[in-house]
């Protein structure tokens, strides 16, 4: 089964640990130190108006710096995920498929008018809300794409490297950080399994879910 119920913070720390296990240079740092603990944070006190202040916890993993020369492991960027899901070769037919590995529906053409057929085709490659029986499944039970990669669509979301800072709607001085997810999951019946960069989901960096 795919590993689930870990957060973006957990994932970057695990990447560093796996790098060190294999004698590779870790990628993720905070304050020039290798990040080895997803729970590390700094408590910040920010003054507001009328001599008031707010306190929030500033997690190191949310704002890591990356050593781009390091040979260690890291999360994929959204662009890298898209290239992998499309088959990796712009000259191949699969590059234009709307779903990883699924022939046809190039960039969504005719998809909306043929949804039943589209989802039947996708079921050969992906576990979604329509066929997963509300649970994850072992990797490799469906067909791979042309690169031999399984479950690029469905089963569980893949966490990508990009992180975006969102201002807390209740207080703009208390930022929240979110990470981008690709590929859809066993809980999704919508269009998130698309290869297109226009289709992604967003969760907080602290979020842990059974389909993530």
C-alpha atoms as a PDB file:
ATOM      1  CA  UNK A   1       0.000   0.000   0.000  1.00  0.00           C
ATOM      2  CA  UNK A   2       1.176   3.569  -0.549  1.00  0.00           C
ATOM      3  CA  UNK A   3       2.371   5.427   2.525  1.00  0.00           C
ATOM      4  CA  UNK A   4      -0.332   7.845   3.671  1.00  0.00           C
ATOM      5  CA  UNK A   5      -1.287  10.090   6.591  1.00  0.00           C
ATOM      6  CA  UNK A   6       1.963  12.042   6.477  1.00  0.00           C
ATOM      7  CA  UNK A   7       2.232  15.782   5.967  1.00  0.00           C
ATOM      8  CA  UNK A   8       4.406  17.839   3.649  1.00  0.00           C
ATOM      9  CA  UNK A   9       6.564  18.583   6.697  1.00  0.00           C
ATOM     10  CA  UNK A  10       7.025  14.863   7.342  1.00  0.00           C
ATOM     11  CA  UNK A  11       7.823  14.243   3.678  1.00  0.00           C
ATOM     12  CA  UNK A  12      10.712  16.703   3.385  1.00  0.00           C
ATOM     13  CA  UNK A  13      12.265  15.389   6.609  1.00  0.00           C
ATOM     14  CA  UNK A  14      11.906  11.818   5.336  1.00  0.00           C
ATOM     15  CA  UNK A  15      13.608  12.817   2.065  1.00  0.00           C
ATOM     16  CA  UNK A  16      16.565  14.125   4.055  1.00  0.00           C
ATOM     17  CA  UNK A  17      16.696  10.986   6.187  1.00  0.00           C
ATOM     18  CA  UNK A  18      16.590   8.757   3.110  1.00  0.00           C
ATOM     19  CA  UNK A  19      19.367  10.810   1.530  1.00  0.00           C
ATOM     20  CA  UNK A  20      21.596  10.382   4.587  1.00  0.00           C
ATOM     21  CA  UNK A  21      20.776   6.677   4.749  1.00  0.00           C
ATOM     22  CA  UNK A  22      22.181   6.338   1.224  1.00  0.00           C
ATOM     23  CA  UNK A  23      25.181   8.628   1.820  1.00  0.00           C
ATOM     24  CA  UNK A  24      23.754  11.381  -0.340  1.00  0.00           C
ATOM     25  CA  UNK A  25      23.709  15.097   0.341  1.00  0.00           C
ATOM     26  CA  UNK A  26      20.402  16.215   1.931  1.00  0.00           C
ATOM     27  CA  UNK A  27      18.394  18.785   0.004  1.00  0.00           C
ATOM     28  CA  UNK A  28      16.328  20.582   2.656  1.00  0.00           C
ATOM     29  CA  UNK A  29      17.814  23.027   5.181  1.00  0.00           C
ATOM     30  CA  UNK A  30      16.709  25.575   7.699  1.00  0.00           C
ATOM     31  CA  UNK A  31      19.115  28.196   9.003  1.00  0.00           C
ATOM     32  CA  UNK A  32      21.961  26.372   7.187  1.00  0.00           C
ATOM     33  CA  UNK A  33      21.295  23.150   9.065  1.00  0.00           C
ATOM     34  CA  UNK A  34      19.924  19.892   7.688  1.00  0.00           C
ATOM     35  CA  UNK A  35      16.262  19.640   8.629  1.00  0.00           C
ATOM     36  CA  UNK A  36      15.768  16.388  10.547  1.00  0.00           C
ATOM     37  CA  UNK A  37      12.653  17.113  12.616  1.00  0.00           C
ATOM     38  CA  UNK A  38       9.236  18.039  11.219  1.00  0.00           C
ATOM     39  CA  UNK A  39       8.044  19.291  14.623  1.00  0.00           C
ATOM     40  CA  UNK A  40      10.594  22.092  14.999  1.00  0.00           C
ATOM     41  CA  UNK A  41       9.137  25.574  15.154  1.00  0.00           C
ATOM     42  CA  UNK A  42       9.826  29.037  16.456  1.00  0.00           C
ATOM     43  CA  UNK A  43       7.126  30.860  18.440  1.00  0.00           C
ATOM     44  CA  UNK A  44       6.708  34.337  16.994  1.00  0.00           C
ATOM     45  CA  UNK A  45       5.200  37.316  18.747  1.00  0.00           C
ATOM     46  CA  UNK A  46       3.965  39.983  16.354  1.00  0.00           C
ATOM     47  CA  UNK A  47       2.759  43.392  17.549  1.00  0.00           C
ATOM     48  CA  UNK A  48      -0.529  44.680  16.194  1.00  0.00           C
ATOM     49  CA  UNK A  49      -2.474  47.863  16.721  1.00  0.00           C
ATOM     50  CA  UNK A  50      -3.392  49.330  20.112  1.00  0.00           C
ATOM     51  CA  UNK A  51      -0.445  47.660  21.830  1.00  0.00           C
ATOM     52  CA  UNK A  52      -1.868  44.228  21.106  1.00  0.00           C
ATOM     53  CA  UNK A  53       0.001  41.260  19.678  1.00  0.00           C
ATOM     54  CA  UNK A  54      -0.534  37.783  18.287  1.00  0.00           C
ATOM     55  CA  UNK A  55       1.539  34.652  18.759  1.00  0.00           C
ATOM     56  CA  UNK A  56       1.898  31.935  16.145  1.00  0.00           C
ATOM     57  CA  UNK A  57       4.176  28.957  15.584  1.00  0.00           C
ATOM     58  CA  UNK A  58       6.538  29.304  12.629  1.00  0.00           C
ATOM     59  CA  UNK A  59       7.447  25.777  11.476  1.00  0.00           C
ATOM     60  CA  UNK A  60      10.892  25.388   9.965  1.00  0.00           C
ATOM     61  CA  UNK A  61       9.739  22.817   7.404  1.00  0.00           C
ATOM     62  CA  UNK A  62       7.336  25.326   5.831  1.00  0.00           C
ATOM     63  CA  UNK A  63      10.125  27.643   4.717  1.00  0.00           C
ATOM     64  CA  UNK A  64      13.049  25.330   4.013  1.00  0.00           C
ATOM     65  CA  UNK A  65      15.867  26.339   1.729  1.00  0.00           C
ATOM     66  CA  UNK A  66      16.958  23.837  -0.892  1.00  0.00           C
ATOM     67  CA  UNK A  67      20.474  22.923  -1.933  1.00  0.00           C
ATOM     68  CA  UNK A  68      19.970  22.643  -5.688  1.00  0.00           C
ATOM     69  CA  UNK A  69      23.417  21.070  -6.107  1.00  0.00           C
ATOM     70  CA  UNK A  70      22.695  18.264  -3.627  1.00  0.00           C
ATOM     71  CA  UNK A  71      22.352  14.717  -4.960  1.00  0.00           C
ATOM     72  CA  UNK A  72      19.877  13.672  -2.280  1.00  0.00           C
ATOM     73  CA  UNK A  73      16.184  12.894  -2.544  1.00  0.00           C
ATOM     74  CA  UNK A  74      13.423  15.475  -2.740  1.00  0.00           C
ATOM     75  CA  UNK A  75       9.798  15.911  -3.715  1.00  0.00           C
ATOM     76  CA  UNK A  76       8.949  16.501  -7.377  1.00  0.00           C
ATOM     77  CA  UNK A  77       7.950  19.920  -8.617  1.00  0.00           C
ATOM     78  CA  UNK A  78       4.509  20.193 -10.213  1.00  0.00           C
ATOM     79  CA  UNK A  79       6.183  20.539 -13.601  1.00  0.00           C
ATOM     80  CA  UNK A  80       8.212  17.372 -13.027  1.00  0.00           C
ATOM     81  CA  UNK A  81       5.091  15.516 -11.940  1.00  0.00           C
ATOM     82  CA  UNK A  82       3.314  16.643 -15.094  1.00  0.00           C
ATOM     83  CA  UNK A  83       6.183  15.523 -17.340  1.00  0.00           C
ATOM     84  CA  UNK A  84       6.244  12.118 -15.630  1.00  0.00           C
ATOM     85  CA  UNK A  85       2.470  11.719 -15.856  1.00  0.00           C
ATOM     86  CA  UNK A  86       2.491  12.624 -19.553  1.00  0.00           C
ATOM     87  CA  UNK A  87       5.112   9.988 -20.341  1.00  0.00           C
ATOM     88  CA  UNK A  88       8.220  12.156 -20.467  1.00  0.00           C
ATOM     89  CA  UNK A  89       8.483  12.618 -24.241  1.00  0.00           C
ATOM     90  CA  UNK A  90       6.781  15.470 -26.093  1.00  0.00           C
ATOM     91  CA  UNK A  91       7.091  13.515 -29.346  1.00  0.00           C
ATOM     92  CA  UNK A  92       4.979  10.622 -28.102  1.00  0.00           C
ATOM     93  CA  UNK A  93       1.218  10.398 -28.427  1.00  0.00           C
ATOM     94  CA  UNK A  94       0.771   9.972 -24.694  1.00  0.00           C
ATOM     95  CA  UNK A  95       2.095  13.474 -24.064  1.00  0.00           C
ATOM     96  CA  UNK A  96      -1.324  14.843 -25.051  1.00  0.00           C
ATOM     97  CA  UNK A  97      -3.510  12.420 -23.096  1.00  0.00           C
ATOM     98  CA  UNK A  98      -5.788  14.034 -20.538  1.00  0.00           C
ATOM     99  CA  UNK A  99      -5.153  11.238 -17.999  1.00  0.00           C
ATOM    100  CA  UNK A 100      -1.846   9.442 -17.359  1.00  0.00           C
ATOM    101  CA  UNK A 101      -1.688   6.451 -19.703  1.00  0.00           C
ATOM    102  CA  UNK A 102      -5.292   6.723 -20.913  1.00  0.00           C
ATOM    103  CA  UNK A 103      -5.511   6.907 -24.697  1.00  0.00           C
ATOM    104  CA  UNK A 104      -7.654   9.719 -26.027  1.00  0.00           C
ATOM    105  CA  UNK A 105      -9.316  12.749 -24.456  1.00  0.00           C
ATOM    106  CA  UNK A 106      -6.349  14.838 -25.506  1.00  0.00           C
ATOM    107  CA  UNK A 107      -6.206  17.792 -23.095  1.00  0.00           C
ATOM    108  CA  UNK A 108      -9.817  17.166 -22.173  1.00  0.00           C
ATOM    109  CA  UNK A 109     -11.309  17.345 -25.683  1.00  0.00           C
ATOM    110  CA  UNK A 110     -14.749  15.690 -25.815  1.00  0.00           C
ATOM    111  CA  UNK A 111     -14.314  14.619 -22.194  1.00  0.00           C
ATOM    112  CA  UNK A 112     -17.393  16.321 -20.827  1.00  0.00           C
ATOM    113  CA  UNK A 113     -19.650  14.788 -23.477  1.00  0.00           C
ATOM    114  CA  UNK A 114     -18.192  11.308 -22.963  1.00  0.00           C
ATOM    115  CA  UNK A 115     -17.737  11.165 -19.212  1.00  0.00           C
ATOM    116  CA  UNK A 116     -18.989   7.618 -18.686  1.00  0.00           C
ATOM    117  CA  UNK A 117     -16.592   6.269 -21.312  1.00  0.00           C
ATOM    118  CA  UNK A 118     -13.786   8.430 -19.961  1.00  0.00           C
ATOM    119  CA  UNK A 119     -14.160   7.121 -16.422  1.00  0.00           C
ATOM    120  CA  UNK A 120     -14.421   3.550 -17.679  1.00  0.00           C
ATOM    121  CA  UNK A 121     -11.125   4.056 -19.522  1.00  0.00           C
ATOM    122  CA  UNK A 122      -9.517   5.708 -16.507  1.00  0.00           C
ATOM    123  CA  UNK A 123     -10.507   2.792 -14.273  1.00  0.00           C
ATOM    124  CA  UNK A 124      -7.881   0.654 -15.995  1.00  0.00           C
ATOM    125  CA  UNK A 125      -5.201   3.020 -14.685  1.00  0.00           C
ATOM    126  CA  UNK A 126      -6.586   4.625 -11.539  1.00  0.00           C
ATOM    127  CA  UNK A 127      -8.350   3.950  -8.264  1.00  0.00           C
ATOM    128  CA  UNK A 128     -10.969   6.652  -7.762  1.00  0.00           C
ATOM    129  CA  UNK A 129     -14.204   7.163  -5.867  1.00  0.00           C
ATOM    130  CA  UNK A 130     -15.958   5.142  -8.566  1.00  0.00           C
ATOM    131  CA  UNK A 131     -14.024   1.888  -8.157  1.00  0.00           C
ATOM    132  CA  UNK A 132     -11.808   1.936  -5.055  1.00  0.00           C
ATOM    133  CA  UNK A 133     -14.361   0.819  -2.441  1.00  0.00           C
ATOM    134  CA  UNK A 134     -13.306   3.740  -0.217  1.00  0.00           C
ATOM    135  CA  UNK A 135      -9.752   2.523   0.441  1.00  0.00           C
ATOM    136  CA  UNK A 136      -6.230   2.619  -0.939  1.00  0.00           C
ATOM    137  CA  UNK A 137      -4.902  -0.286  -2.990  1.00  0.00           C
ATOM    138  CA  UNK A 138      -1.491  -1.849  -3.465  1.00  0.00           C
ATOM    139  CA  UNK A 139       0.679   0.038  -5.931  1.00  0.00           C
ATOM    140  CA  UNK A 140       0.859  -1.658  -9.318  1.00  0.00           C
ATOM    141  CA  UNK A 141      -2.596  -3.261  -9.461  1.00  0.00           C
ATOM    142  CA  UNK A 142      -3.569  -0.953 -12.334  1.00  0.00           C
ATOM    143  CA  UNK A 143      -1.810  -0.332 -15.640  1.00  0.00           C
ATOM    144  CA  UNK A 144       1.302   1.906 -15.704  1.00  0.00           C
ATOM    145  CA  UNK A 145       1.899   4.767 -18.082  1.00  0.00           C
ATOM    146  CA  UNK A 146       4.530   4.494 -20.825  1.00  0.00           C
ATOM    147  CA  UNK A 147       7.333   5.230 -18.347  1.00  0.00           C
ATOM    148  CA  UNK A 148       6.260   2.258 -16.264  1.00  0.00           C
ATOM    149  CA  UNK A 149       5.005   4.444 -13.424  1.00  0.00           C
ATOM    150  CA  UNK A 150       1.907   3.211 -11.607  1.00  0.00           C
ATOM    151  CA  UNK A 151      -0.859   5.236  -9.945  1.00  0.00           C
ATOM    152  CA  UNK A 152       0.070   8.612 -11.359  1.00  0.00           C
ATOM    153  CA  UNK A 153      -3.698   9.021 -11.418  1.00  0.00           C
ATOM    154  CA  UNK A 154      -5.789   8.075  -8.409  1.00  0.00           C
ATOM    155  CA  UNK A 155      -5.066   5.890  -5.367  1.00  0.00           C
ATOM    156  CA  UNK A 156      -3.365   8.682  -3.383  1.00  0.00           C
ATOM    157  CA  UNK A 157      -2.342  12.247  -4.118  1.00  0.00           C
ATOM    158  CA  UNK A 158       1.343  13.001  -4.679  1.00  0.00           C
ATOM    159  CA  UNK A 159       2.786  15.875  -2.640  1.00  0.00           C
ATOM    160  CA  UNK A 160       4.767  18.337  -4.740  1.00  0.00           C
ATOM    161  CA  UNK A 161       7.620  20.560  -3.699  1.00  0.00           C
ATOM    162  CA  UNK A 162       5.986  23.951  -4.178  1.00  0.00           C
ATOM    163  CA  UNK A 163       4.736  25.686  -1.041  1.00  0.00           C
ATOM    164  CA  UNK A 164       2.587  28.798  -1.047  1.00  0.00           C
ATOM    165  CA  UNK A 165       2.127  31.205   1.814  1.00  0.00           C
ATOM    166  CA  UNK A 166      -1.476  32.129   2.514  1.00  0.00           C
ATOM    167  CA  UNK A 167      -2.498  34.866   4.884  1.00  0.00           C
ATOM    168  CA  UNK A 168      -4.858  33.673   7.583  1.00  0.00           C
ATOM    169  CA  UNK A 169      -8.244  35.174   6.683  1.00  0.00           C
ATOM    170  CA  UNK A 170      -8.926  35.955  10.345  1.00  0.00           C
ATOM    171  CA  UNK A 171      -5.601  37.688  10.878  1.00  0.00           C
ATOM    172  CA  UNK A 172      -3.232  38.618   8.073  1.00  0.00           C
ATOM    173  CA  UNK A 173      -0.253  38.548  10.431  1.00  0.00           C
ATOM    174  CA  UNK A 174      -0.676  34.826  11.069  1.00  0.00           C
ATOM    175  CA  UNK A 175       0.417  33.102   7.831  1.00  0.00           C
ATOM    176  CA  UNK A 176      -0.522  29.564   6.834  1.00  0.00           C
ATOM    177  CA  UNK A 177       1.492  27.507   4.363  1.00  0.00           C
ATOM    178  CA  UNK A 178       0.000  25.162   1.798  1.00  0.00           C
ATOM    179  CA  UNK A 179       1.451  22.563  -0.534  1.00  0.00           C
ATOM    180  CA  UNK A 180       0.228  21.501  -3.951  1.00  0.00           C
ATOM    181  CA  UNK A 181      -0.987  17.983  -4.682  1.00  0.00           C
ATOM    182  CA  UNK A 182      -1.318  16.189  -7.999  1.00  0.00           C
ATOM    183  CA  UNK A 183      -2.974  13.109  -9.447  1.00  0.00           C
ATOM    184  CA  UNK A 184      -6.187  12.738  -7.484  1.00  0.00           C
ATOM    185  CA  UNK A 185      -6.968   9.925  -5.056  1.00  0.00           C
ATOM    186  CA  UNK A 186      -9.306   7.069  -4.240  1.00  0.00           C
ATOM    187  CA  UNK A 187     -11.680   9.622  -2.689  1.00  0.00           C
ATOM    188  CA  UNK A 188     -11.920  11.778  -5.813  1.00  0.00           C
ATOM    189  CA  UNK A 189     -14.383  11.453  -8.666  1.00  0.00           C
ATOM    190  CA  UNK A 190     -13.640  14.810 -10.268  1.00  0.00           C
ATOM    191  CA  UNK A 191     -10.987  15.880 -12.756  1.00  0.00           C
ATOM    192  CA  UNK A 192      -7.955  16.008 -10.465  1.00  0.00           C
ATOM    193  CA  UNK A 193      -6.334  12.932 -12.102  1.00  0.00           C
ATOM    194  CA  UNK A 194      -5.713  15.133 -15.163  1.00  0.00           C
ATOM    195  CA  UNK A 195      -2.130  15.415 -16.403  1.00  0.00           C
ATOM    196  CA  UNK A 196      -2.693  19.116 -16.945  1.00  0.00           C
ATOM    197  CA  UNK A 197      -1.021  21.675 -14.711  1.00  0.00           C
ATOM    198  CA  UNK A 198      -4.419  23.351 -14.328  1.00  0.00           C
ATOM    199  CA  UNK A 199      -5.689  20.552 -12.118  1.00  0.00           C
ATOM    200  CA  UNK A 200      -4.249  20.279  -8.648  1.00  0.00           C
ATOM    201  CA  UNK A 201      -5.453  20.377  -5.071  1.00  0.00           C
ATOM    202  CA  UNK A 202      -4.020  22.313  -2.146  1.00  0.00           C
ATOM    203  CA  UNK A 203      -3.699  21.334   1.516  1.00  0.00           C
ATOM    204  CA  UNK A 204      -1.959  22.919   4.465  1.00  0.00           C
ATOM    205  CA  UNK A 205       1.610  21.727   5.020  1.00  0.00           C
ATOM    206  CA  UNK A 206       0.485  20.247   8.345  1.00  0.00           C
ATOM    207  CA  UNK A 207      -2.370  18.220   6.839  1.00  0.00           C
ATOM    208  CA  UNK A 208      -2.332  14.430   7.205  1.00  0.00           C
ATOM    209  CA  UNK A 209      -4.955  12.418   5.336  1.00  0.00           C
ATOM    210  CA  UNK A 210      -5.609   8.838   4.305  1.00  0.00           C
ATOM    211  CA  UNK A 211      -5.455   9.775   0.606  1.00  0.00           C
ATOM    212  CA  UNK A 212      -2.366  11.993   0.771  1.00  0.00           C
END
